C-alpha atoms as a PDB file:
ATOM      1  CA  MET A   1       0.000   0.000   0.000  1.00  0.00           C
ATOM      2  CA  LYS A   2       1.203   3.434  -0.878  1.00  0.00           C
ATOM      3  CA  LYS A   3       1.801   5.931   1.925  1.00  0.00           C
ATOM      4  CA  PHE A   4      -0.561   8.867   1.904  1.00  0.00           C
ATOM      5  CA  LYS A   5       0.732  12.274   2.852  1.00  0.00           C
ATOM      6  CA  LEU A   6      -2.014  14.746   3.535  1.00  0.00           C
ATOM      7  CA  ASN A   7      -0.073  17.963   2.980  1.00  0.00           C
ATOM      8  CA  GLU A   8       1.717  16.901  -0.207  1.00  0.00           C
ATOM      9  CA  THR A   9      -1.131  15.636  -2.361  1.00  0.00           C
ATOM     10  CA  ASN A  10      -3.512  17.717  -4.414  1.00  0.00           C
ATOM     11  CA  LYS A  11      -6.810  18.302  -2.721  1.00  0.00           C
ATOM     12  CA  LEU A  12     -10.157  17.998  -4.411  1.00  0.00           C
ATOM     13  CA  ASN A  13     -12.358  21.046  -4.730  1.00  0.00           C
ATOM     14  CA  SER A  14     -15.828  20.567  -3.283  1.00  0.00           C
ATOM     15  CA  GLY A  15     -17.488  22.821  -5.792  1.00  0.00           C
ATOM     16  CA  PHE A  16     -19.065  25.023  -3.145  1.00  0.00           C
ATOM     17  CA  THR A  17     -17.916  28.616  -2.886  1.00  0.00           C
ATOM     18  CA  THR A  18     -18.994  31.628  -0.862  1.00  0.00           C
ATOM     19  CA  PRO A  19     -19.292  35.100  -2.233  1.00  0.00           C
ATOM     20  CA  ASP A  20     -16.525  37.554  -1.398  1.00  0.00           C
ATOM     21  CA  GLY A  21     -17.106  39.404   1.900  1.00  0.00           C
ATOM     22  CA  TYR A  22     -20.041  37.163   2.845  1.00  0.00           C
ATOM     23  CA  PHE A  23     -18.832  36.409   6.358  1.00  0.00           C
ATOM     24  CA  ASP A  24     -17.803  40.028   6.960  1.00  0.00           C
ATOM     25  CA  SER A  25     -21.430  41.172   7.110  1.00  0.00           C
ATOM     26  CA  PHE A  26     -22.966  37.841   8.174  1.00  0.00           C
ATOM     27  CA  SER A  27     -23.249  38.635  11.906  1.00  0.00           C
ATOM     28  CA  GLU A  28     -24.883  42.012  11.181  1.00  0.00           C
ATOM     29  CA  LYS A  29     -27.508  40.371   8.949  1.00  0.00           C
ATOM     30  CA  VAL A  30     -28.342  37.774  11.576  1.00  0.00           C
ATOM     31  CA  LEU A  31     -28.672  40.382  14.335  1.00  0.00           C
ATOM     32  CA  MET A  32     -31.017  42.437  12.158  1.00  0.00           C
ATOM     33  CA  GLN A  33     -33.345  39.433  11.752  1.00  0.00           C
ATOM     34  CA  LEU A  34     -33.639  38.841  15.521  1.00  0.00           C
ATOM     35  CA  PRO A  35     -36.710  40.329  17.276  1.00  0.00           C
ATOM     36  CA  LYS A  36     -36.158  43.655  19.026  1.00  0.00           C
ATOM     37  CA  GLU A  37     -38.297  42.849  22.098  1.00  0.00           C
ATOM     38  CA  GLU A  38     -37.029  40.478  24.695  1.00  0.00           C
ATOM     39  CA  PRO A  39     -39.418  37.656  25.602  1.00  0.00           C
ATOM     40  CA  GLU A  40     -41.119  37.607  28.982  1.00  0.00           C
ATOM     41  CA  VAL A  41     -39.374  35.350  31.449  1.00  0.00           C
ATOM     42  CA  ILE A  42     -41.697  32.964  33.262  1.00  0.00           C
ATOM     43  CA  SER A  43     -40.402  31.533  36.502  1.00  0.00           C
ATOM     44  CA  ILE A  44     -40.631  27.803  37.038  1.00  0.00           C
ATOM     45  CA  PHE A  45     -41.153  28.256  40.767  1.00  0.00           C
ATOM     46  CA  SER A  46     -44.291  30.340  40.815  1.00  0.00           C
ATOM     47  CA  ARG A  47     -45.908  30.859  44.202  1.00  0.00           C
ATOM     48  CA  LYS A  48     -49.353  30.030  42.824  1.00  0.00           C
ATOM     49  CA  LYS A  49     -48.147  26.674  41.553  1.00  0.00           C
ATOM     50  CA  ILE A  50     -46.712  25.815  44.953  1.00  0.00           C
ATOM     51  CA  TRP A  51     -50.099  26.427  46.586  1.00  0.00           C
ATOM     52  CA  TYR A  52     -51.843  24.345  43.938  1.00  0.00           C
ATOM     53  CA  TYR A  53     -49.415  21.477  44.455  1.00  0.00           C
ATOM     54  CA  ALA A  54     -49.778  21.692  48.240  1.00  0.00           C
ATOM     55  CA  ALA A  55     -53.583  21.645  48.036  1.00  0.00           C
ATOM     56  CA  ALA A  56     -53.539  18.723  45.607  1.00  0.00           C
ATOM     57  CA  SER A  57     -51.198  16.723  47.838  1.00  0.00           C
ATOM     58  CA  VAL A  58     -53.419  17.341  50.878  1.00  0.00           C
ATOM     59  CA  VAL A  59     -56.482  16.172  48.950  1.00  0.00           C
ATOM     60  CA  VAL A  60     -54.700  13.037  47.743  1.00  0.00           C
ATOM     61  CA  LEU A  61     -53.397  12.261  51.228  1.00  0.00           C
ATOM     62  CA  LEU A  62     -56.810  12.760  52.836  1.00  0.00           C
ATOM     63  CA  GLY A  63     -58.511  10.638  50.203  1.00  0.00           C
ATOM     64  CA  SER A  64     -56.008   7.808  50.575  1.00  0.00           C
ATOM     65  CA  VAL A  65     -56.370   7.779  54.381  1.00  0.00           C
ATOM     66  CA  LEU A  66     -60.164   7.674  54.116  1.00  0.00           C
ATOM     67  CA  LEU A  67     -60.091   4.872  51.543  1.00  0.00           C
ATOM     68  CA  TYR A  68     -57.589   2.905  53.616  1.00  0.00           C
ATOM     69  CA  ASN A  69     -59.763   3.183  56.731  1.00  0.00           C
ATOM     70  CA  TYR A  70     -62.918   2.295  54.796  1.00  0.00           C
ATOM     71  CA  TYR A  71     -61.476  -0.887  53.325  1.00  0.00           C
ATOM     72  CA  THR A  72     -59.627  -2.059  56.443  1.00  0.00           C
ATOM     73  CA  VAL A  73     -62.740  -1.710  58.618  1.00  0.00           C
ATOM     74  CA  LYS A  74     -64.792  -3.656  56.078  1.00  0.00           C
ATOM     75  CA  THR A  75     -62.212  -6.437  55.883  1.00  0.00           C
ATOM     76  CA  GLN A  76     -62.013  -6.687  59.684  1.00  0.00           C
ATOM     77  CA  GLU A  77     -65.801  -6.957  59.906  1.00  0.00           C
ATOM     78  CA  LEU A  78     -65.846  -9.564  57.156  1.00  0.00           C
ATOM     79  CA  GLU A  79     -63.103 -11.562  58.833  1.00  0.00           C
ATOM     80  CA  ALA A  80     -64.982 -11.568  62.152  1.00  0.00           C
ATOM     81  CA  VAL A  81     -68.178 -12.740  60.440  1.00  0.00           C
ATOM     82  CA  ALA A  82     -66.276 -15.389  58.496  1.00  0.00           C
ATOM     83  CA  TYR A  83     -64.616 -16.720  61.671  1.00  0.00           C
ATOM     84  CA  GLU A  84     -67.930 -16.829  63.477  1.00  0.00           C
ATOM     85  CA  GLU A  85     -69.641 -18.668  60.608  1.00  0.00           C
ATOM     86  CA  TYR A  86     -66.783 -21.134  60.296  1.00  0.00           C
ATOM     87  CA  ILE A  87     -66.845 -21.920  63.994  1.00  0.00           C
ATOM     88  CA  THR A  88     -70.620 -22.266  63.984  1.00  0.00           C
ATOM     89  CA  ASN A  89     -70.780 -24.514  60.915  1.00  0.00           C
ATOM     90  CA  HIS A  90     -67.668 -26.658  61.434  1.00  0.00           C
ATOM     91  CA  MET A  91     -67.670 -27.169  65.158  1.00  0.00           C
ATOM     92  CA  ASN A  92     -68.039 -30.764  66.277  1.00  0.00           C
ATOM     93  CA  MET A  93     -68.067 -29.951  69.966  1.00  0.00           C
ATOM     94  CA  SER A  94     -70.978 -30.127  72.300  1.00  0.00           C
ATOM     95  CA  ASN A  95     -71.855 -27.346  74.703  1.00  0.00           C
ATOM     96  CA  GLU A  96     -70.439 -29.359  77.602  1.00  0.00           C
ATOM     97  CA  ASP A  97     -67.093 -29.827  75.812  1.00  0.00           C
ATOM     98  CA  MET A  98     -66.878 -26.120  75.148  1.00  0.00           C
ATOM     99  CA  ALA A  99     -67.754 -25.302  78.748  1.00  0.00           C
ATOM    100  CA  THR A 100     -64.818 -27.429  79.941  1.00  0.00           C
ATOM    101  CA  LEU A 101     -62.435 -25.447  77.722  1.00  0.00           C
ATOM    102  CA  LEU A 102     -63.640 -22.056  78.939  1.00  0.00           C
ATOM    103  CA  SER A 103     -62.728 -20.536  82.268  1.00  0.00           C
ATOM    104  CA  GLN A 104     -65.321 -19.517  84.822  1.00  0.00           C
ATOM    105  CA  GLU A 105     -64.676 -15.852  83.986  1.00  0.00           C
ATOM    106  CA  ASP A 106     -65.460 -16.495  80.299  1.00  0.00           C
ATOM    107  CA  LEU A 107     -68.635 -18.332  81.234  1.00  0.00           C
ATOM    108  CA  ASP A 108     -69.729 -15.458  83.485  1.00  0.00           C
ATOM    109  CA  LYS A 109     -69.267 -13.029  80.590  1.00  0.00           C
ATOM    110  CA  MET A 110     -71.471 -15.192  78.392  1.00  0.00           C
ATOM    111  CA  LYS A 111     -74.386 -15.322  80.807  1.00  0.00           C
ATOM    112  CA  LEU A 112     -77.469 -13.572  79.610  1.00  0.00           C
ATOM    113  CA  GLU A 113     -79.851 -12.303  82.213  1.00  0.00           C
ATOM    114  CA  LEU A 114     -83.366 -11.592  81.053  1.00  0.00           C
ATOM    115  CA  HIS A 115     -85.681  -9.717  83.378  1.00  0.00           C
ATOM    116  CA  LEU A 116     -89.053 -10.396  81.858  1.00  0.00           C
ATOM    117  CA  GLU A 117     -92.272  -9.528  83.543  1.00  0.00           C
ATOM    118  CA  ASP A 118     -95.066 -12.054  83.656  1.00  0.00           C
ATOM    119  CA  GLU A 119     -97.386  -9.809  81.680  1.00  0.00           C
ATOM    120  CA  ALA A 120     -94.919  -9.554  78.771  1.00  0.00           C
ATOM    121  CA  VAL A 121     -94.478 -13.328  78.661  1.00  0.00           C
ATOM    122  CA  GLU A 122     -98.240 -13.909  78.731  1.00  0.00           C
ATOM    123  CA  GLU A 123     -98.775 -11.372  75.926  1.00  0.00           C
ATOM    124  CA  VAL A 124     -96.214 -13.048  73.682  1.00  0.00           C
ATOM    125  CA  LEU A 125     -97.697 -16.475  74.336  1.00  0.00           C
ATOM    126  CA  LEU A 126    -101.235 -15.289  73.631  1.00  0.00           C
ATOM    127  CA  ASN A 127    -100.339 -13.473  70.400  1.00  0.00           C
ATOM    128  CA  ASN A 128     -98.096 -16.185  68.984  1.00  0.00           C
ATOM    129  CA  THR A 129     -99.739 -19.105  67.209  1.00  0.00           C
ATOM    130  CA  ASP A 130     -96.598 -21.254  67.252  1.00  0.00           C
ATOM    131  CA  ILE A 131     -96.693 -21.940  70.974  1.00  0.00           C
ATOM    132  CA  GLU A 132     -95.432 -25.469  70.372  1.00  0.00           C
ATOM    133  CA  GLN A 133     -92.097 -24.026  69.250  1.00  0.00           C
ATOM    134  CA  TYR A 134     -91.560 -22.367  72.644  1.00  0.00           C
ATOM    135  CA  ILE A 135     -92.601 -25.468  74.537  1.00  0.00           C
ATOM    136  CA  THR A 136     -90.320 -27.857  72.633  1.00  0.00           C
ATOM    137  CA  ASN A 137     -87.282 -25.610  72.747  1.00  0.00           C
END
């Protein structure tokens, strides 16, 4: 391969030429085409925008807290109902077996005291046609 010397060989002409004195007045022509008025500068950190962003963040935060509380309360209620139904439907223990597992304090909490007057009981028995249900249970 033949060595190529950049400065010694003839260079090719590109065919493009500029008129004489073109770059002497080029900057003046460009400056004349620019607008005379300076554009209005708009700040990125406007005080109004900061207040809008703060208000929007408060609304989003409040909404998310309310939604979180709404759904967690519902799930806790559903879980309690589901546990109660499961225990009721799948329990193979008798009342006596359960009473042996519970302490006396738990049993005292479960007691239900009804203070019914004789007149109220008589009224219910007279108005109810299914009296056999009360007698058998």
